[in-house]
Amino acid sequence: MKISWSFWTKLSPRQKRIYSFMFILALIILVTIIGALVPTSPQESKDITNSVNQTVINNKASGTLAPSIFINNFLLCLLMFIPLAGSVIGLVLMFNTGYIIGAEIRYEASTANAGTAVASIQPSTAILVLVLALVTFACEYISYAIGISESIWLFRRLLQKRWGELKNTGILIGIVALLLTIGALIEAYSLYIG
């Protein structure tokens, strides 16, 4: 079976970047879901949840929740910009993110407090938190997809000795910083009200 690349070769460079970004975005969402489906023991789920909760509690107490979220996400995203290696790093990080999310969901579902906590939330608060979570997810995952796709583009362009790609990388890092700042502020706010 021969694969035809005529579709790809007919695209403009901008279209290729857009398609690359969309493919990477779909891939990292899939990898996160796969990570979430990996089973964890009840003890491991509890340990992961307690660790995440303790980090949130400590940062809330010191008033550094939003900056901590931003710094963590931005540094991880910067790793994703490393030519070619960043794409592997990014996929591993997305798998681990899914693993942590899955463990937290399993732990919360297994505790008796889960039903009580959900029942005590006002519908308007629940809707607000859900919308904020979706906006945060969008900001973060768009940033990660930008980082990983640029990692591949940067690798290719540097092999071709096309140094102008470094300018694109700098612009994209600025866009990512803005998106992750917005995401961190929204995530911190949702953790305070939720």
C-alpha atoms as a PDB file:
ATOM      1  CA  MET A   1       0.000   0.000   0.000  1.00  0.00           C
ATOM      2  CA  LYS A   2       1.398   3.333  -1.052  1.00  0.00           C
ATOM      3  CA  ILE A   3       0.553   6.462   0.947  1.00  0.00           C
ATOM      4  CA  SER A   4      -0.040   9.560  -1.135  1.00  0.00           C
ATOM      5  CA  TRP A   5       1.402  12.761   0.317  1.00  0.00           C
ATOM      6  CA  SER A   6      -0.183  14.932  -2.377  1.00  0.00           C
ATOM      7  CA  PHE A   7      -2.611  16.327   0.207  1.00  0.00           C
ATOM      8  CA  TRP A   8       0.253  17.526   2.393  1.00  0.00           C
ATOM      9  CA  THR A   9       2.458  18.850  -0.387  1.00  0.00           C
ATOM     10  CA  LYS A  10      -0.362  20.996  -1.779  1.00  0.00           C
ATOM     11  CA  LEU A  11      -0.846  22.823   1.532  1.00  0.00           C
ATOM     12  CA  SER A  12       0.671  26.205   2.285  1.00  0.00           C
ATOM     13  CA  PRO A  13       3.164  26.393   5.176  1.00  0.00           C
ATOM     14  CA  ARG A  14       0.480  28.082   7.324  1.00  0.00           C
ATOM     15  CA  GLN A  15      -2.021  25.320   6.565  1.00  0.00           C
ATOM     16  CA  LYS A  16       0.600  22.688   7.418  1.00  0.00           C
ATOM     17  CA  ARG A  17       1.165  24.348  10.787  1.00  0.00           C
ATOM     18  CA  ILE A  18      -2.565  24.501  11.495  1.00  0.00           C
ATOM     19  CA  TYR A  19      -3.062  20.844  10.600  1.00  0.00           C
ATOM     20  CA  SER A  20       0.014  19.882  12.644  1.00  0.00           C
ATOM     21  CA  PHE A  21      -1.321  21.795  15.633  1.00  0.00           C
ATOM     22  CA  MET A  22      -4.781  20.193  15.349  1.00  0.00           C
ATOM     23  CA  PHE A  23      -3.262  16.715  15.047  1.00  0.00           C
ATOM     24  CA  ILE A  24      -1.032  17.278  18.097  1.00  0.00           C
ATOM     25  CA  LEU A  25      -3.963  18.709  20.090  1.00  0.00           C
ATOM     26  CA  ALA A  26      -6.057  15.620  19.341  1.00  0.00           C
ATOM     27  CA  LEU A  27      -3.081  13.375  20.135  1.00  0.00           C
ATOM     28  CA  ILE A  28      -2.340  14.919  23.541  1.00  0.00           C
ATOM     29  CA  ILE A  29      -6.013  14.731  24.519  1.00  0.00           C
ATOM     30  CA  LEU A  30      -6.005  11.056  23.526  1.00  0.00           C
ATOM     31  CA  VAL A  31      -2.774  10.406  25.456  1.00  0.00           C
ATOM     32  CA  THR A  32      -4.265  12.125  28.532  1.00  0.00           C
ATOM     33  CA  ILE A  33      -7.373   9.930  28.288  1.00  0.00           C
ATOM     34  CA  ILE A  34      -5.211   6.815  27.958  1.00  0.00           C
ATOM     35  CA  GLY A  35      -3.268   7.877  31.056  1.00  0.00           C
ATOM     36  CA  ALA A  36      -6.525   8.394  32.963  1.00  0.00           C
ATOM     37  CA  LEU A  37      -7.622   4.859  32.075  1.00  0.00           C
ATOM     38  CA  VAL A  38      -4.545   3.234  33.631  1.00  0.00           C
ATOM     39  CA  PRO A  39      -5.741   1.549  36.831  1.00  0.00           C
ATOM     40  CA  THR A  40      -4.361   2.616  40.191  1.00  0.00           C
ATOM     41  CA  SER A  41      -4.659   0.918  43.544  1.00  0.00           C
ATOM     42  CA  PRO A  42      -6.869   2.579  46.165  1.00  0.00           C
ATOM     43  CA  GLN A  43      -3.786   3.486  48.203  1.00  0.00           C
ATOM     44  CA  GLU A  44      -1.955   4.953  45.229  1.00  0.00           C
ATOM     45  CA  SER A  45      -5.060   6.971  44.261  1.00  0.00           C
ATOM     46  CA  LYS A  46      -5.284   8.284  47.818  1.00  0.00           C
ATOM     47  CA  ASP A  47      -1.577   9.186  47.925  1.00  0.00           C
ATOM     48  CA  ILE A  48      -1.740  11.050  44.600  1.00  0.00           C
ATOM     49  CA  THR A  49      -4.895  12.934  45.605  1.00  0.00           C
ATOM     50  CA  ASN A  50      -3.452  13.872  49.000  1.00  0.00           C
ATOM     51  CA  SER A  51      -0.242  15.098  47.382  1.00  0.00           C
ATOM     52  CA  VAL A  52      -2.113  17.299  44.902  1.00  0.00           C
ATOM     53  CA  ASN A  53      -4.476  18.594  47.596  1.00  0.00           C
ATOM     54  CA  GLN A  54      -1.575  19.390  49.938  1.00  0.00           C
ATOM     55  CA  THR A  55       0.142  21.389  47.207  1.00  0.00           C
ATOM     56  CA  VAL A  56      -3.050  23.366  46.583  1.00  0.00           C
ATOM     57  CA  ILE A  57      -3.616  23.954  50.320  1.00  0.00           C
ATOM     58  CA  ASN A  58      -0.028  25.142  50.865  1.00  0.00           C
ATOM     59  CA  ASN A  59      -0.164  27.520  47.895  1.00  0.00           C
ATOM     60  CA  LYS A  60      -3.569  28.874  48.945  1.00  0.00           C
ATOM     61  CA  ALA A  61      -2.244  29.529  52.447  1.00  0.00           C
ATOM     62  CA  SER A  62       0.790  31.403  51.152  1.00  0.00           C
ATOM     63  CA  GLY A  63      -1.232  33.291  48.528  1.00  0.00           C
ATOM     64  CA  THR A  64       0.855  31.877  45.692  1.00  0.00           C
ATOM     65  CA  LEU A  65      -1.638  29.562  44.012  1.00  0.00           C
ATOM     66  CA  ALA A  66      -1.911  31.351  40.642  1.00  0.00           C
ATOM     67  CA  PRO A  67       1.853  32.041  40.328  1.00  0.00           C
ATOM     68  CA  SER A  68       2.635  28.430  41.294  1.00  0.00           C
ATOM     69  CA  ILE A  69       0.221  27.061  38.700  1.00  0.00           C
ATOM     70  CA  PHE A  70       1.657  29.393  36.046  1.00  0.00           C
ATOM     71  CA  ILE A  71       5.298  28.619  36.827  1.00  0.00           C
ATOM     72  CA  ASN A  72       4.667  24.867  36.875  1.00  0.00           C
ATOM     73  CA  ASN A  73       2.723  24.866  33.594  1.00  0.00           C
ATOM     74  CA  PHE A  74       5.023  27.337  31.834  1.00  0.00           C
ATOM     75  CA  LEU A  75       8.215  25.465  32.725  1.00  0.00           C
ATOM     76  CA  LEU A  76       6.670  22.176  31.589  1.00  0.00           C
ATOM     77  CA  CYS A  77       5.525  23.836  28.369  1.00  0.00           C
ATOM     78  CA  LEU A  78       8.992  25.295  27.739  1.00  0.00           C
ATOM     79  CA  LEU A  79      10.354  21.743  27.867  1.00  0.00           C
ATOM     80  CA  MET A  80       7.931  20.866  25.082  1.00  0.00           C
ATOM     81  CA  PHE A  81       9.603  23.444  22.791  1.00  0.00           C
ATOM     82  CA  ILE A  82      12.925  21.553  22.836  1.00  0.00           C
ATOM     83  CA  PRO A  83      13.474  20.456  19.232  1.00  0.00           C
ATOM     84  CA  LEU A  84      12.080  16.949  18.710  1.00  0.00           C
ATOM     85  CA  ALA A  85      12.790  15.817  22.307  1.00  0.00           C
ATOM     86  CA  GLY A  86      10.094  18.226  23.486  1.00  0.00           C
ATOM     87  CA  SER A  87       7.446  16.238  21.659  1.00  0.00           C
ATOM     88  CA  VAL A  88       8.402  13.075  23.562  1.00  0.00           C
ATOM     89  CA  ILE A  89       8.598  14.988  26.856  1.00  0.00           C
ATOM     90  CA  GLY A  90       5.182  16.523  26.162  1.00  0.00           C
ATOM     91  CA  LEU A  91       3.524  13.194  25.432  1.00  0.00           C
ATOM     92  CA  VAL A  92       4.969  11.670  28.620  1.00  0.00           C
ATOM     93  CA  LEU A  93       3.757  14.673  30.638  1.00  0.00           C
ATOM     94  CA  MET A  94       0.266  14.417  29.127  1.00  0.00           C
ATOM     95  CA  PHE A  95       0.141  10.700  29.953  1.00  0.00           C
ATOM     96  CA  ASN A  96       1.188  11.473  33.550  1.00  0.00           C
ATOM     97  CA  THR A  97      -1.427  14.234  33.742  1.00  0.00           C
ATOM     98  CA  GLY A  98      -4.081  11.729  32.698  1.00  0.00           C
ATOM     99  CA  TYR A  99      -2.758   9.219  35.205  1.00  0.00           C
ATOM    100  CA  ILE A 100      -3.073  11.759  38.029  1.00  0.00           C
ATOM    101  CA  ILE A 101      -6.559  12.822  36.903  1.00  0.00           C
ATOM    102  CA  GLY A 102      -7.659   9.175  36.755  1.00  0.00           C
ATOM    103  CA  ALA A 103      -6.269   8.467  40.222  1.00  0.00           C
ATOM    104  CA  GLU A 104      -8.040  11.521  41.679  1.00  0.00           C
ATOM    105  CA  ILE A 105     -11.344  10.553  40.063  1.00  0.00           C
ATOM    106  CA  ARG A 106     -11.071   6.974  41.376  1.00  0.00           C
ATOM    107  CA  TYR A 107     -10.224   8.204  44.864  1.00  0.00           C
ATOM    108  CA  GLU A 108     -13.058  10.742  44.990  1.00  0.00           C
ATOM    109  CA  ALA A 109     -15.519   8.158  43.654  1.00  0.00           C
ATOM    110  CA  SER A 110     -14.453   5.670  46.315  1.00  0.00           C
ATOM    111  CA  THR A 111     -14.872   8.005  49.291  1.00  0.00           C
ATOM    112  CA  ALA A 112     -18.154   8.519  51.096  1.00  0.00           C
ATOM    113  CA  ASN A 113     -17.592  12.290  50.984  1.00  0.00           C
ATOM    114  CA  ALA A 114     -17.835  12.453  47.189  1.00  0.00           C
ATOM    115  CA  GLY A 115     -21.652  12.392  47.116  1.00  0.00           C
ATOM    116  CA  THR A 116     -21.931  14.793  50.029  1.00  0.00           C
ATOM    117  CA  ALA A 117     -19.550  17.314  48.457  1.00  0.00           C
ATOM    118  CA  VAL A 118     -21.375  17.264  45.138  1.00  0.00           C
ATOM    119  CA  ALA A 119     -24.782  17.557  46.827  1.00  0.00           C
ATOM    120  CA  SER A 120     -23.672  20.630  48.811  1.00  0.00           C
ATOM    121  CA  ILE A 121     -22.612  22.636  45.723  1.00  0.00           C
ATOM    122  CA  GLN A 122     -25.133  25.115  44.370  1.00  0.00           C
ATOM    123  CA  PRO A 123     -26.017  24.505  40.678  1.00  0.00           C
ATOM    124  CA  SER A 124     -24.852  27.991  39.684  1.00  0.00           C
ATOM    125  CA  THR A 125     -21.476  27.395  41.375  1.00  0.00           C
ATOM    126  CA  ALA A 126     -21.163  23.983  39.728  1.00  0.00           C
ATOM    127  CA  ILE A 127     -21.840  25.475  36.279  1.00  0.00           C
ATOM    128  CA  LEU A 128     -19.347  28.287  36.890  1.00  0.00           C
ATOM    129  CA  VAL A 129     -16.653  25.844  38.036  1.00  0.00           C
ATOM    130  CA  LEU A 130     -17.316  23.616  35.014  1.00  0.00           C
ATOM    131  CA  VAL A 131     -17.033  26.546  32.587  1.00  0.00           C
ATOM    132  CA  LEU A 132     -13.851  27.739  34.311  1.00  0.00           C
ATOM    133  CA  ALA A 133     -12.410  24.209  34.155  1.00  0.00           C
ATOM    134  CA  LEU A 134     -13.138  24.019  30.424  1.00  0.00           C
ATOM    135  CA  VAL A 135     -11.501  27.411  29.782  1.00  0.00           C
ATOM    136  CA  THR A 136      -8.475  26.355  31.840  1.00  0.00           C
ATOM    137  CA  PHE A 137      -8.284  23.070  29.935  1.00  0.00           C
ATOM    138  CA  ALA A 138      -8.437  24.939  26.621  1.00  0.00           C
ATOM    139  CA  CYS A 139      -5.708  27.422  27.610  1.00  0.00           C
ATOM    140  CA  GLU A 140      -3.382  24.702  28.864  1.00  0.00           C
ATOM    141  CA  TYR A 141      -3.904  22.131  26.119  1.00  0.00           C
ATOM    142  CA  ILE A 142      -3.684  24.726  23.331  1.00  0.00           C
ATOM    143  CA  SER A 143      -0.378  25.851  24.885  1.00  0.00           C
ATOM    144  CA  TYR A 144       0.952  22.309  25.102  1.00  0.00           C
ATOM    145  CA  ALA A 145      -0.079  21.564  21.507  1.00  0.00           C
ATOM    146  CA  ILE A 146       1.689  24.749  20.380  1.00  0.00           C
ATOM    147  CA  GLY A 147       4.842  23.710  22.253  1.00  0.00           C
ATOM    148  CA  ILE A 148       4.905  20.160  20.914  1.00  0.00           C
ATOM    149  CA  SER A 149       4.104  21.093  17.309  1.00  0.00           C
ATOM    150  CA  GLU A 150       6.693  23.874  17.380  1.00  0.00           C
ATOM    151  CA  SER A 151       9.219  21.367  18.743  1.00  0.00           C
ATOM    152  CA  ILE A 152       8.812  19.362  15.549  1.00  0.00           C
ATOM    153  CA  TRP A 153       8.784  22.411  13.260  1.00  0.00           C
ATOM    154  CA  LEU A 154      11.833  23.898  14.982  1.00  0.00           C
ATOM    155  CA  PHE A 155      13.740  20.624  14.620  1.00  0.00           C
ATOM    156  CA  ARG A 156      12.932  20.456  10.903  1.00  0.00           C
ATOM    157  CA  ARG A 157      13.776  24.102  10.247  1.00  0.00           C
ATOM    158  CA  LEU A 158      17.073  23.934  12.161  1.00  0.00           C
ATOM    159  CA  LEU A 159      18.087  20.895  10.095  1.00  0.00           C
ATOM    160  CA  GLN A 160      17.375  23.025   7.016  1.00  0.00           C
ATOM    161  CA  LYS A 161      19.423  25.864   8.569  1.00  0.00           C
ATOM    162  CA  ARG A 162      16.404  28.153   8.403  1.00  0.00           C
ATOM    163  CA  TRP A 163      17.140  30.262  11.481  1.00  0.00           C
ATOM    164  CA  GLY A 164      14.056  32.440  11.059  1.00  0.00           C
ATOM    165  CA  GLU A 165      12.110  29.725  12.865  1.00  0.00           C
ATOM    166  CA  LEU A 166      13.696  30.941  16.105  1.00  0.00           C
ATOM    167  CA  LYS A 167      11.667  34.159  15.738  1.00  0.00           C
ATOM    168  CA  ASN A 168       8.471  32.096  15.352  1.00  0.00           C
ATOM    169  CA  THR A 169       9.437  30.110  18.436  1.00  0.00           C
ATOM    170  CA  GLY A 170       9.885  33.289  20.472  1.00  0.00           C
ATOM    171  CA  ILE A 171       6.483  34.599  19.356  1.00  0.00           C
ATOM    172  CA  LEU A 172       4.828  31.276  20.176  1.00  0.00           C
ATOM    173  CA  ILE A 173       6.458  31.202  23.624  1.00  0.00           C
ATOM    174  CA  GLY A 174       4.958  34.647  24.254  1.00  0.00           C
ATOM    175  CA  ILE A 175       1.513  33.436  23.169  1.00  0.00           C
ATOM    176  CA  VAL A 176       1.874  30.377  25.396  1.00  0.00           C
ATOM    177  CA  ALA A 177       2.892  32.567  28.345  1.00  0.00           C
ATOM    178  CA  LEU A 178      -0.248  34.664  27.869  1.00  0.00           C
ATOM    179  CA  LEU A 179      -2.525  31.607  27.561  1.00  0.00           C
ATOM    180  CA  LEU A 180      -0.987  29.944  30.606  1.00  0.00           C
ATOM    181  CA  THR A 181      -1.287  33.153  32.640  1.00  0.00           C
ATOM    182  CA  ILE A 182      -4.994  33.309  31.824  1.00  0.00           C
ATOM    183  CA  GLY A 183      -5.348  29.595  32.569  1.00  0.00           C
ATOM    184  CA  ALA A 184      -3.521  29.886  35.903  1.00  0.00           C
ATOM    185  CA  LEU A 185      -5.651  32.826  37.055  1.00  0.00           C
ATOM    186  CA  ILE A 186      -8.864  31.018  36.118  1.00  0.00           C
ATOM    187  CA  GLU A 187      -7.725  27.715  37.667  1.00  0.00           C
ATOM    188  CA  ALA A 188      -6.718  29.437  40.912  1.00  0.00           C
ATOM    189  CA  TYR A 189     -10.060  31.255  41.043  1.00  0.00           C
ATOM    190  CA  SER A 190     -11.983  28.016  40.453  1.00  0.00           C
ATOM    191  CA  LEU A 191     -10.002  26.280  43.205  1.00  0.00           C
ATOM    192  CA  TYR A 192     -10.887  29.101  45.604  1.00  0.00           C
ATOM    193  CA  ILE A 193     -14.625  28.999  44.845  1.00  0.00           C
ATOM    194  CA  GLY A 194     -14.987  25.238  44.201  1.00  0.00           C
END
